[in-house]
Amino acid sequence: MPRDALSDHGFDTEWRAVLLVTAALTVVRLAALFATPLELYPDEAQYWLWSRTLDWGYFSKPPMVAWTIWATTLGDDSEARVRLASPLFHAGTTLCVYAAGRKLYGASAALAGAALYLLMPGVQLSSLVAATDAPLLFFIGLSLAAYVNLADASGRARMLLAAGFGAAVGLAFLSKYAAVYVLIALALHLALSKAARAAWTLPAGAVALGAFLVVMAPNIAWNAAHGFATVQHTAANAAWGGRELFNFAELGDFLASQFGVFGPIPFAVLIGGSIWLAWRRKLTSADVLLLCFAIPPFLIVTGQSFISRANANWSGAGYVAASILVGAWLVRWRARRWLIAAIAIQAVTAMVFLACVLNPPFADKVGLSNAFKRAKGWEQVTEQMVERVLREPPGEFSAIAVNDRFLFNAAAYYGRDFFALPGQPPLVMWLREARPQNQAETTAPLTPALGRRVLAVSLEQVYRDEMAADFKSVSEREIRSIRLDRKRKRRAEIFVGDEFTPRPRDPATGKPIPIRP
């Protein structure tokens, strides 16, 4: 029988080991955050922009990522401070993985699972960027740790664990709506396990539901007041409309990406072990519990990739439980060499990634420069926009308008000192379609009232002609080019637009009606 996770002997030895290893790698990641020359990529800049105005929700994401950035940037808006919470969240998740794994399988399996999680390639990347995945996985880890202890608890302890589970799931939803996989896991496990159904007494279920609703109520109210904007954006991200069905190429790309996200050996063990043990009917009750958490995200997103498309990280919600499961199976099978190989491969991958982050030219040498292109060149583009404004007398421009949300977010961050000065033109977003398609278009649209004389910027010349056609006249066109690495440049076209008078948009598509000769 597994020893209790908080037994005196366990806490003094194995717990100390996992705490020390987690703390050491977290310190390395924090040091890398402060040493890297890489800039914020545009989504990170967007989250920072949200954090300037705290709310219970935003156009495309729940509020947790903005809240954490607000907390970590008090007094300092540097890139490292924007990203500061991510390695801390993953450190916390590692401890949750260990606690849940120890309860289910014992200390050795828990240590293996914690090591696999801590060194997971996807976690390595996620630890060094500001995004929604880090808090999501942390709160999923907390909910899983509470859930595995619920069956053996009684009285007040059971009520506290139930409340903790409900609150953790609510906080996971406030991080990313992929937390719905926890509810799917719960429903599936209750359907499969009599012991799970027995653990959820009516009072415990009521307490968990109450805690969940208390946490979620403000976000639900915010969505209701804003036409369920975040929910609609999440659904639109699936992109089921307007694409061919049965995308074998997308399916293949997604499946291949999972070897990179979870690690080649862990992913192979997860899929192969699940099939083999289910076929041989050798799954333990703990295996079934963790499979309910690990497999649905993978299967659902695999189906999504076949129907339309899927990003590699969309299945990440399952890899907290999967890390425990794979570690436990490798220990159970006494596959020591495979476990060491898995950890070694992931440790080497982590070192290469850190080398690229600390020294981007090294990424060029090893053929990984494309992975970092979004984190380069934005500050220089913003400086050139500001320099062009400062060439003219104060008040000459009524606005600075861009036609790309990535550029808007990056310019808002890297031009924050300039735009905070009194009398400077506001940064606004040109709308290509009749209705806003993102947060920038919703909160800072270019309007005729701001369109007297506009410094317009078109990124990579995309929609340049459509943007220019919304002005009565344009002049002073300039091409600016920023080198990102040996092969890539970022191009922006700057021009002056007078008297913004947007053309009619097609009522069916929302796009500009073409000009007929």
Protein backbone atom coordinates (compact mmCIF):
# COMPACT_ATOMS: atom_id res chain seq x y z
CA MET A 1 0.00 0.00 0.00
CA PRO A 2 1.29 3.50 -0.78
CA ARG A 3 2.46 5.41 2.22
CA ASP A 4 0.51 8.52 3.07
CA ALA A 5 1.71 11.53 1.11
CA LEU A 6 2.41 13.49 4.26
CA SER A 7 3.94 10.79 6.39
CA ASP A 8 6.86 11.96 8.44
CA HIS A 9 9.38 9.71 6.69
CA GLY A 10 8.08 10.59 3.23
CA PHE A 11 8.10 14.30 3.85
CA ASP A 12 11.63 14.19 5.21
CA THR A 13 13.09 12.29 2.24
CA GLU A 14 11.12 12.09 -1.01
CA TRP A 15 9.22 15.31 -0.42
CA ARG A 16 12.47 17.10 0.32
CA ALA A 17 13.96 15.72 -2.91
CA VAL A 18 11.09 16.86 -5.12
CA LEU A 19 11.03 20.27 -3.44
CA LEU A 20 14.77 20.78 -3.95
CA VAL A 21 14.76 19.66 -7.59
CA THR A 22 11.70 21.76 -8.39
CA ALA A 23 13.15 24.81 -6.67
CA ALA A 24 16.51 24.42 -8.45
CA LEU A 25 15.01 24.19 -11.93
CA THR A 26 12.61 27.04 -11.17
CA VAL A 27 15.52 29.26 -10.16
CA VAL A 28 17.24 28.41 -13.47
CA ARG A 29 14.10 29.33 -15.38
CA LEU A 30 13.69 32.58 -13.47
CA ALA A 31 17.30 33.47 -14.21
CA ALA A 32 16.69 32.78 -17.91
CA LEU A 33 13.67 35.10 -17.88
CA PHE A 34 15.80 38.00 -16.66
CA ALA A 35 18.75 37.20 -18.95
CA THR A 36 17.06 36.55 -22.29
CA PRO A 37 17.18 39.28 -24.96
CA LEU A 38 13.96 37.97 -26.53
CA GLU A 39 11.07 40.41 -26.62
CA LEU A 40 7.47 39.75 -25.70
CA TYR A 41 5.61 38.03 -28.48
CA PRO A 42 2.37 39.84 -29.41
CA ASP A 43 -0.02 37.68 -27.39
CA GLU A 44 2.07 38.31 -24.28
CA ALA A 45 1.93 42.03 -25.00
CA GLN A 46 -1.84 41.72 -25.34
CA TYR A 47 -2.13 40.07 -21.93
CA TRP A 48 0.01 42.85 -20.45
CA LEU A 49 -2.32 45.41 -22.04
CA TRP A 50 -5.31 43.69 -20.49
CA SER A 51 -3.62 43.77 -17.10
CA ARG A 52 -3.64 47.56 -17.14
CA THR A 53 -7.43 47.40 -16.70
CA LEU A 54 -8.48 44.57 -14.41
CA ASP A 55 -11.76 42.92 -15.27
CA TRP A 56 -13.62 39.63 -14.89
CA GLY A 57 -13.09 38.69 -18.53
CA TYR A 58 -11.61 39.78 -21.84
CA PHE A 59 -12.45 39.38 -25.52
CA SER A 60 -10.62 36.10 -26.14
CA LYS A 61 -9.57 34.75 -22.73
CA PRO A 62 -10.75 34.53 -19.11
CA PRO A 63 -9.08 36.93 -16.69
CA MET A 64 -6.46 34.89 -14.80
CA VAL A 65 -3.51 35.64 -17.10
CA ALA A 66 -4.17 39.39 -16.87
CA TRP A 67 -4.57 39.23 -13.08
CA THR A 68 -1.25 37.45 -12.61
CA ILE A 69 0.59 39.88 -14.89
CA TRP A 70 -0.91 42.80 -12.96
CA ALA A 71 0.44 41.28 -9.73
CA THR A 72 3.92 40.53 -11.07
CA THR A 73 4.41 43.90 -12.80
CA LEU A 74 3.66 46.16 -9.85
CA GLY A 75 6.35 48.82 -10.15
CA ASP A 76 8.11 47.20 -13.12
CA ASP A 77 6.73 46.40 -16.59
CA SER A 78 9.82 44.61 -17.92
CA GLU A 79 9.47 41.49 -20.04
CA ALA A 80 10.76 39.27 -17.25
CA ARG A 81 8.17 40.57 -14.81
CA VAL A 82 5.39 40.02 -17.36
CA ARG A 83 6.43 36.36 -17.57
CA LEU A 84 7.35 35.90 -13.92
CA ALA A 85 4.32 33.88 -12.80
CA SER A 86 4.70 31.11 -15.39
CA PRO A 87 7.65 29.17 -13.89
CA LEU A 88 6.12 29.58 -10.44
CA PHE A 89 2.83 28.08 -11.60
CA HIS A 90 4.64 25.11 -13.14
CA ALA A 91 6.63 24.59 -9.95
CA GLY A 92 3.35 24.41 -8.06
CA THR A 93 1.93 21.96 -10.59
CA THR A 94 4.97 19.72 -10.17
CA LEU A 95 4.28 19.51 -6.44
CA CYS A 96 0.62 18.70 -7.15
CA VAL A 97 1.72 15.94 -9.53
CA TYR A 98 3.94 14.49 -6.84
CA ALA A 99 1.25 14.71 -4.14
CA ALA A 100 -1.42 13.07 -6.31
CA GLY A 101 0.99 10.43 -7.62
CA ARG A 102 2.19 9.55 -4.13
CA LYS A 103 -1.37 9.08 -2.92
CA LEU A 104 -2.19 6.78 -5.84
CA TYR A 105 1.04 4.84 -6.42
CA GLY A 106 3.66 5.61 -3.77
CA ALA A 107 6.80 7.71 -3.63
CA SER A 108 8.88 6.16 -6.43
CA ALA A 109 6.18 6.48 -9.06
CA ALA A 110 5.35 9.98 -7.84
CA LEU A 111 8.98 11.09 -8.19
CA ALA A 112 9.08 9.70 -11.74
CA GLY A 113 5.87 11.51 -12.65
CA ALA A 114 7.07 14.78 -11.13
CA ALA A 115 10.35 14.56 -13.06
CA LEU A 116 8.54 13.86 -16.34
CA TYR A 117 6.23 16.82 -15.77
CA LEU A 118 8.95 19.23 -14.69
CA LEU A 119 11.09 18.43 -17.75
CA MET A 120 8.26 18.08 -20.25
CA PRO A 121 9.17 20.04 -23.43
CA GLY A 122 5.80 21.79 -23.41
CA VAL A 123 6.29 22.83 -19.79
CA GLN A 124 9.78 24.11 -20.56
CA LEU A 125 8.35 26.40 -23.24
CA SER A 126 5.35 27.40 -21.16
CA SER A 127 7.60 28.31 -18.21
CA LEU A 128 9.25 31.09 -20.20
CA VAL A 129 6.21 32.80 -21.72
CA ALA A 130 3.18 34.56 -20.32
CA ALA A 131 0.16 32.52 -21.40
CA THR A 132 -2.98 30.84 -20.14
CA ASP A 133 -1.58 27.30 -19.98
CA ALA A 134 0.59 27.70 -16.87
CA PRO A 135 -2.25 28.75 -14.51
CA LEU A 136 -4.62 26.27 -16.15
CA LEU A 137 -2.32 23.33 -15.46
CA PHE A 138 -1.64 24.52 -11.90
CA PHE A 139 -5.32 24.63 -10.99
CA ILE A 140 -5.95 21.32 -12.76
CA GLY A 141 -3.13 19.91 -10.63
CA LEU A 142 -4.74 21.28 -7.48
CA SER A 143 -8.14 19.85 -8.44
CA LEU A 144 -6.58 16.44 -9.16
CA ALA A 145 -4.70 16.43 -5.84
CA ALA A 146 -7.95 17.19 -4.03
CA TYR A 147 -9.90 14.61 -6.02
CA VAL A 148 -7.59 11.65 -5.36
CA ASN A 149 -7.76 12.30 -1.60
CA LEU A 150 -11.54 12.66 -1.49
CA ALA A 151 -12.42 8.95 -1.37
CA ASP A 152 -10.49 8.29 1.85
CA ALA A 153 -11.60 11.46 3.62
CA SER A 154 -14.56 11.80 5.93
CA GLY A 155 -16.41 14.43 7.91
CA ARG A 156 -15.00 17.93 7.76
CA ALA A 157 -11.94 16.83 5.76
CA ARG A 158 -14.18 15.54 2.96
CA MET A 159 -16.11 18.81 2.87
CA LEU A 160 -12.90 20.82 2.72
CA LEU A 161 -11.53 18.67 -0.09
CA ALA A 162 -14.81 18.95 -1.99
CA ALA A 163 -14.75 22.74 -1.59
CA GLY A 164 -11.10 22.83 -2.66
CA PHE A 165 -11.88 20.72 -5.72
CA GLY A 166 -14.76 22.97 -6.76
CA ALA A 167 -12.78 26.16 -6.20
CA ALA A 168 -9.74 24.80 -8.07
CA VAL A 169 -11.89 23.83 -11.05
CA GLY A 170 -13.44 27.30 -10.99
CA LEU A 171 -10.00 28.92 -10.98
CA ALA A 172 -8.95 26.63 -13.83
CA PHE A 173 -11.93 27.96 -15.83
CA LEU A 174 -10.84 31.51 -15.02
CA SER A 175 -7.49 30.57 -16.57
CA LYS A 176 -8.71 28.88 -19.76
CA TYR A 177 -11.97 27.28 -20.77
CA ALA A 178 -10.10 24.06 -21.59
CA ALA A 179 -10.80 23.38 -17.89
CA VAL A 180 -14.02 21.81 -19.20
CA TYR A 181 -11.92 18.64 -19.57
CA VAL A 182 -11.90 18.34 -15.77
CA LEU A 183 -15.70 18.18 -15.79
CA ILE A 184 -15.59 15.60 -18.58
CA ALA A 185 -13.07 13.59 -16.54
CA LEU A 186 -15.26 13.79 -13.45
CA ALA A 187 -18.37 12.62 -15.34
CA LEU A 188 -16.45 9.79 -16.99
CA HIS A 189 -14.88 8.58 -13.75
CA LEU A 190 -18.19 8.67 -11.92
CA ALA A 191 -19.71 6.59 -14.71
CA LEU A 192 -16.91 4.00 -14.56
CA SER A 193 -16.15 3.79 -10.83
CA LYS A 194 -18.52 2.72 -8.08
CA ALA A 195 -15.99 3.90 -5.48
CA ALA A 196 -15.95 7.35 -7.07
CA ARG A 197 -19.73 7.56 -6.91
CA ALA A 198 -19.64 6.54 -3.25
CA ALA A 199 -17.11 9.26 -2.43
CA TRP A 200 -19.40 12.00 -3.74
CA THR A 201 -22.07 12.21 -1.09
CA LEU A 202 -24.84 14.73 -1.62
CA PRO A 203 -23.35 17.25 0.85
CA ALA A 204 -19.89 16.91 -0.72
CA GLY A 205 -21.31 17.42 -4.20
CA ALA A 206 -23.28 20.45 -3.06
CA VAL A 207 -20.21 22.01 -1.43
CA ALA A 208 -18.07 21.42 -4.55
CA LEU A 209 -20.73 22.87 -6.84
CA GLY A 210 -21.23 25.85 -4.55
CA ALA A 211 -17.50 26.62 -4.43
CA PHE A 212 -17.28 26.32 -8.21
CA LEU A 213 -20.21 28.69 -8.77
CA VAL A 214 -18.91 31.25 -6.28
CA VAL A 215 -15.60 31.41 -8.15
CA MET A 216 -17.19 31.43 -11.61
CA ALA A 217 -20.18 33.73 -11.00
CA PRO A 218 -18.40 37.05 -11.77
CA ASN A 219 -16.98 35.70 -15.04
CA ILE A 220 -20.37 34.31 -16.05
CA ALA A 221 -21.92 37.71 -15.31
CA TRP A 222 -19.19 39.47 -17.32
CA ASN A 223 -19.77 37.18 -20.29
CA ALA A 224 -23.52 37.74 -20.11
CA ALA A 225 -22.99 41.51 -20.08
CA HIS A 226 -20.66 41.30 -23.10
CA GLY A 227 -22.64 38.97 -25.31
CA PHE A 228 -20.57 35.95 -24.20
CA ALA A 229 -17.64 37.32 -26.20
CA THR A 230 -15.02 35.00 -24.70
CA VAL A 231 -17.18 31.92 -25.16
CA GLN A 232 -17.92 32.87 -28.77
CA HIS A 233 -14.24 33.46 -29.49
CA THR A 234 -13.34 30.08 -27.98
CA ALA A 235 -15.95 28.39 -30.19
CA ALA A 236 -14.78 30.34 -33.24
CA ASN A 237 -11.21 29.16 -32.58
CA ALA A 238 -12.35 25.66 -33.49
CA ALA A 239 -12.94 27.00 -37.04
CA TRP A 240 -15.37 24.28 -38.11
CA GLY A 241 -16.98 26.50 -40.73
CA GLY A 242 -15.39 27.28 -44.06
CA ARG A 243 -12.80 24.48 -43.98
CA GLU A 244 -12.61 21.09 -45.65
CA LEU A 245 -13.46 18.13 -43.47
CA PHE A 246 -11.16 15.11 -43.10
CA ASN A 247 -7.85 16.94 -42.89
CA PHE A 248 -5.34 14.10 -42.79
CA ALA A 249 -2.44 16.55 -42.99
CA GLU A 250 -3.69 18.50 -39.95
CA LEU A 251 -4.29 15.23 -38.10
CA GLY A 252 -0.77 14.03 -38.84
CA ASP A 253 0.77 17.35 -37.81
CA PHE A 254 -1.11 17.33 -34.51
CA LEU A 255 -0.20 13.75 -33.63
CA ALA A 256 3.46 14.39 -34.46
CA SER A 257 3.42 17.54 -32.34
CA GLN A 258 2.38 15.57 -29.26
CA PHE A 259 5.71 13.74 -29.25
CA GLY A 260 7.29 17.18 -29.00
CA VAL A 261 4.90 18.55 -26.37
CA PHE A 262 4.87 15.59 -23.95
CA GLY A 263 8.17 14.01 -24.98
CA PRO A 264 8.76 11.12 -27.41
CA ILE A 265 9.03 8.30 -24.87
CA PRO A 266 6.27 9.51 -22.49
CA PHE A 267 3.80 10.01 -25.35
CA ALA A 268 4.57 6.58 -26.81
CA VAL A 269 4.16 4.99 -23.37
CA LEU A 270 0.88 6.84 -22.76
CA ILE A 271 -0.74 5.69 -26.00
CA GLY A 272 0.81 2.23 -26.14
CA GLY A 273 0.30 1.53 -22.46
CA SER A 274 -3.33 2.67 -22.51
CA ILE A 275 -4.16 0.34 -25.39
CA TRP A 276 -2.19 -2.64 -24.07
CA LEU A 277 -3.41 -2.49 -20.48
CA ALA A 278 -7.03 -1.91 -21.53
CA TRP A 279 -6.87 -4.86 -23.93
CA ARG A 280 -5.28 -7.10 -21.27
CA ARG A 281 -7.72 -5.74 -18.65
CA LYS A 282 -4.87 -4.92 -16.31
CA LEU A 283 -5.81 -1.35 -15.50
CA THR A 284 -5.86 -0.58 -11.78
CA SER A 285 -8.44 1.74 -10.24
CA ALA A 286 -5.79 4.48 -10.08
CA ASP A 287 -5.01 3.93 -13.77
CA VAL A 288 -8.68 4.32 -14.68
CA LEU A 289 -8.95 7.54 -12.67
CA LEU A 290 -5.95 9.12 -14.37
CA LEU A 291 -6.95 7.92 -17.83
CA CYS A 292 -10.27 9.74 -17.34
CA PHE A 293 -8.26 12.95 -16.90
CA ALA A 294 -5.54 12.24 -19.50
CA ILE A 295 -7.21 10.71 -22.55
CA PRO A 296 -10.33 12.85 -23.28
CA PRO A 297 -8.35 16.03 -24.10
CA PHE A 298 -6.13 14.07 -26.47
CA LEU A 299 -9.02 12.27 -28.20
CA ILE A 300 -11.19 15.37 -28.51
CA VAL A 301 -8.43 17.57 -29.87
CA THR A 302 -7.32 14.80 -32.22
CA GLY A 303 -10.85 14.78 -33.61
CA GLN A 304 -10.78 18.56 -33.82
CA SER A 305 -7.53 18.43 -35.81
CA PHE A 306 -9.14 16.00 -38.27
CA ILE A 307 -12.28 18.11 -38.68
CA SER A 308 -10.53 21.47 -38.88
CA ARG A 309 -7.27 22.31 -37.13
CA ALA A 310 -5.69 22.14 -33.67
CA ASN A 311 -2.74 23.79 -31.96
CA ALA A 312 -0.21 21.50 -30.31
CA ASN A 313 -0.96 22.81 -26.80
CA TRP A 314 -4.72 22.30 -26.96
CA SER A 315 -4.43 18.81 -25.46
CA GLY A 316 -2.18 20.04 -22.65
CA ALA A 317 -4.90 19.78 -20.00
CA GLY A 318 -4.45 16.01 -20.00
CA TYR A 319 -0.72 15.94 -19.44
CA VAL A 320 -0.85 16.64 -15.69
CA ALA A 321 -2.53 13.28 -15.10
CA ALA A 322 -0.58 11.67 -17.95
CA SER A 323 2.75 12.51 -16.29
CA ILE A 324 1.71 10.62 -13.14
CA LEU A 325 0.38 7.72 -15.19
CA VAL A 326 3.45 7.29 -17.39
CA GLY A 327 5.80 7.57 -14.40
CA ALA A 328 3.78 4.96 -12.51
CA TRP A 329 3.71 2.54 -15.43
CA LEU A 330 7.45 2.75 -16.06
CA VAL A 331 8.11 2.10 -12.37
CA ARG A 332 5.55 -0.75 -12.26
CA TRP A 333 7.07 -2.38 -15.34
CA ARG A 334 10.56 -1.91 -13.89
CA ALA A 335 11.48 -0.15 -17.12
CA ARG A 336 14.28 1.74 -15.44
CA ARG A 337 16.30 2.30 -18.61
CA TRP A 338 13.30 3.69 -20.46
CA LEU A 339 12.54 6.03 -17.56
CA ILE A 340 16.13 7.26 -17.42
CA ALA A 341 16.14 7.68 -21.21
CA ALA A 342 12.89 9.65 -21.11
CA ILE A 343 14.16 12.00 -18.40
CA ALA A 344 17.56 12.35 -20.11
CA ILE A 345 16.02 13.22 -23.50
CA GLN A 346 13.76 15.81 -21.90
CA ALA A 347 16.63 17.26 -19.86
CA VAL A 348 18.77 17.65 -23.00
CA THR A 349 15.83 19.22 -24.83
CA ALA A 350 15.39 21.66 -21.94
CA MET A 351 19.08 22.62 -22.05
CA VAL A 352 18.98 23.24 -25.81
CA PHE A 353 15.87 25.35 -25.43
CA LEU A 354 17.43 27.39 -22.63
CA ALA A 355 20.53 27.92 -24.76
CA CYS A 356 18.35 29.28 -27.58
CA VAL A 357 16.48 31.58 -25.20
CA LEU A 358 19.67 32.94 -23.66
CA ASN A 359 21.56 33.21 -26.96
CA PRO A 360 19.20 33.55 -29.97
CA PRO A 361 22.08 33.30 -32.53
CA PHE A 362 22.54 29.73 -31.26
CA ALA A 363 18.97 29.03 -32.42
CA ASP A 364 20.03 30.12 -35.91
CA LYS A 365 22.94 27.67 -35.86
CA VAL A 366 20.79 24.69 -34.86
CA GLY A 367 17.96 25.54 -37.25
CA LEU A 368 15.45 26.71 -34.62
CA SER A 369 15.31 30.42 -35.45
CA ASN A 370 11.80 30.14 -36.90
CA ALA A 371 10.49 29.18 -33.45
CA PHE A 372 11.63 32.52 -32.01
CA LYS A 373 10.73 34.96 -34.81
CA ARG A 374 7.61 36.21 -33.04
CA ALA A 375 9.74 37.38 -30.11
CA LYS A 376 11.99 39.65 -32.19
CA GLY A 377 11.81 43.01 -33.92
CA TRP A 378 8.72 44.53 -32.32
CA GLU A 379 10.57 47.14 -30.29
CA GLN A 380 12.40 48.38 -33.39
CA VAL A 381 9.20 48.64 -35.42
CA THR A 382 7.60 50.61 -32.60
CA GLU A 383 10.63 52.92 -32.35
CA GLN A 384 10.37 53.66 -36.07
CA MET A 385 6.67 54.48 -35.74
CA VAL A 386 7.41 56.86 -32.87
CA GLU A 387 10.34 58.42 -34.73
CA ARG A 388 8.05 59.17 -37.70
CA VAL A 389 5.51 60.90 -35.44
CA LEU A 390 8.20 63.00 -33.77
CA ARG A 391 9.35 64.35 -37.13
CA GLU A 392 6.17 66.43 -37.31
CA PRO A 393 5.01 69.28 -35.07
CA PRO A 394 2.98 68.32 -31.99
CA GLY A 395 -0.67 67.70 -32.83
CA GLU A 396 0.02 67.00 -36.52
CA PHE A 397 -1.39 63.47 -36.30
CA SER A 398 -4.80 62.68 -34.87
CA ALA A 399 -3.99 58.98 -34.42
CA ILE A 400 -1.53 56.18 -35.16
CA ALA A 401 -3.46 53.38 -36.86
CA VAL A 402 -2.22 49.83 -37.50
CA ASN A 403 -3.91 47.05 -39.43
CA ASP A 404 -2.62 44.03 -37.51
CA ARG A 405 -3.49 43.04 -33.94
CA PHE A 406 0.01 41.65 -33.33
CA LEU A 407 1.50 45.03 -34.20
CA PHE A 408 -1.11 46.84 -32.11
CA ASN A 409 -0.30 44.79 -29.01
CA ALA A 410 3.46 45.02 -29.46
CA ALA A 411 3.32 48.78 -30.12
CA ALA A 412 1.12 49.30 -27.05
CA TYR A 413 3.76 47.58 -24.90
CA TYR A 414 6.98 48.89 -26.45
CA GLY A 415 5.52 52.36 -26.99
CA ARG A 416 3.95 52.57 -23.53
CA ASP A 417 6.11 55.46 -22.38
CA PHE A 418 5.44 57.44 -25.56
CA PHE A 419 1.68 56.91 -25.54
CA ALA A 420 1.52 57.90 -21.86
CA LEU A 421 2.85 61.38 -22.69
CA PRO A 422 0.22 64.15 -22.86
CA GLY A 423 -0.65 65.36 -26.34
CA GLN A 424 0.56 62.31 -28.25
CA PRO A 425 -1.77 60.67 -30.79
CA PRO A 426 -3.56 57.54 -29.58
CA LEU A 427 -2.77 54.08 -30.90
CA VAL A 428 -5.83 52.70 -32.71
CA MET A 429 -6.78 49.70 -34.83
CA TRP A 430 -8.10 49.87 -38.38
CA LEU A 431 -11.07 47.53 -38.80
CA ARG A 432 -11.13 45.52 -41.99
CA GLU A 433 -14.52 43.96 -41.25
CA ALA A 434 -17.78 45.53 -40.17
CA ARG A 435 -17.62 43.98 -36.70
CA PRO A 436 -14.68 43.80 -34.28
CA GLN A 437 -12.70 40.56 -34.51
CA ASN A 438 -10.40 41.04 -31.51
CA GLN A 439 -9.87 43.05 -28.35
CA ALA A 440 -7.94 45.85 -30.07
CA GLU A 441 -10.70 46.40 -32.62
CA THR A 442 -13.27 46.38 -29.82
CA THR A 443 -11.59 48.85 -27.46
CA ALA A 444 -9.53 51.10 -29.74
CA PRO A 445 -11.04 51.31 -33.23
CA LEU A 446 -10.07 53.93 -35.78
CA THR A 447 -13.12 56.15 -36.30
CA PRO A 448 -13.80 59.18 -38.51
CA ALA A 449 -13.59 61.35 -35.39
CA LEU A 450 -9.92 60.29 -35.00
CA GLY A 451 -9.22 60.21 -38.72
CA ARG A 452 -8.30 63.81 -39.57
CA ARG A 453 -4.65 62.98 -40.32
CA VAL A 454 -3.44 59.51 -39.46
CA LEU A 455 -0.03 57.87 -39.41
CA ALA A 456 -1.00 54.48 -40.84
CA VAL A 457 1.15 51.36 -40.51
CA SER A 458 0.58 48.17 -42.50
CA LEU A 459 2.47 45.09 -41.28
CA GLU A 460 4.01 42.98 -44.05
CA GLN A 461 1.84 45.05 -46.45
CA VAL A 462 -1.15 42.80 -45.69
CA TYR A 463 -4.42 44.64 -46.44
CA ARG A 464 -2.34 47.74 -47.21
CA ASP A 465 -4.41 48.70 -50.25
CA GLU A 466 -7.72 48.10 -48.46
CA MET A 467 -6.57 50.23 -45.55
CA ALA A 468 -5.37 53.04 -47.83
CA ALA A 469 -8.68 53.00 -49.71
CA ASP A 470 -10.49 54.05 -46.50
CA PHE A 471 -8.78 57.46 -46.65
CA LYS A 472 -9.59 60.29 -49.05
CA SER A 473 -5.89 60.63 -49.77
CA VAL A 474 -2.59 58.99 -48.81
CA SER A 475 0.97 60.23 -49.09
CA GLU A 476 4.54 59.87 -47.83
CA ARG A 477 4.79 56.09 -48.17
CA GLU A 478 7.85 54.51 -46.54
CA ILE A 479 8.97 50.88 -46.27
CA ARG A 480 10.69 49.90 -43.03
CA SER A 481 12.48 46.55 -42.73
CA ILE A 482 13.74 44.92 -39.52
CA ARG A 483 16.08 41.92 -39.71
CA LEU A 484 15.06 39.11 -37.34
CA ASP A 485 17.74 36.55 -38.21
CA ARG A 486 19.85 35.48 -41.17
CA LYS A 487 16.80 34.51 -43.25
CA ARG A 488 13.90 36.60 -41.99
CA LYS A 489 12.83 40.22 -41.93
CA ARG A 490 9.78 42.05 -40.62
CA ARG A 491 8.45 44.66 -43.05
CA ALA A 492 6.13 47.54 -42.29
CA GLU A 493 4.80 50.19 -44.65
CA ILE A 494 4.16 53.59 -43.11
CA PHE A 495 2.05 56.22 -44.84
CA VAL A 496 -0.01 59.30 -44.00
CA GLY A 497 -3.76 59.04 -44.47
CA ASP A 498 -5.99 62.10 -44.57
CA GLU A 499 -9.70 62.18 -43.77
CA PHE A 500 -10.58 58.65 -42.77
CA THR A 501 -13.82 57.79 -44.56
CA PRO A 502 -14.30 54.03 -44.44
CA ARG A 503 -15.88 52.39 -47.45
CA PRO A 504 -19.10 50.36 -47.01
CA ARG A 505 -18.68 46.78 -45.81
CA ASP A 506 -20.49 43.83 -47.34
CA PRO A 507 -23.46 43.02 -45.06
CA ALA A 508 -22.95 39.28 -45.60
CA THR A 509 -19.18 38.93 -45.18
CA GLY A 510 -18.40 42.14 -43.27
CA LYS A 511 -15.43 42.75 -45.58
CA PRO A 512 -14.83 45.93 -47.64
CA ILE A 513 -16.83 46.12 -50.85
CA PRO A 514 -14.35 46.12 -53.75
CA ILE A 515 -13.92 49.36 -55.64
CA ARG A 516 -15.17 48.98 -59.19
CA PRO A 517 -13.37 50.92 -61.95
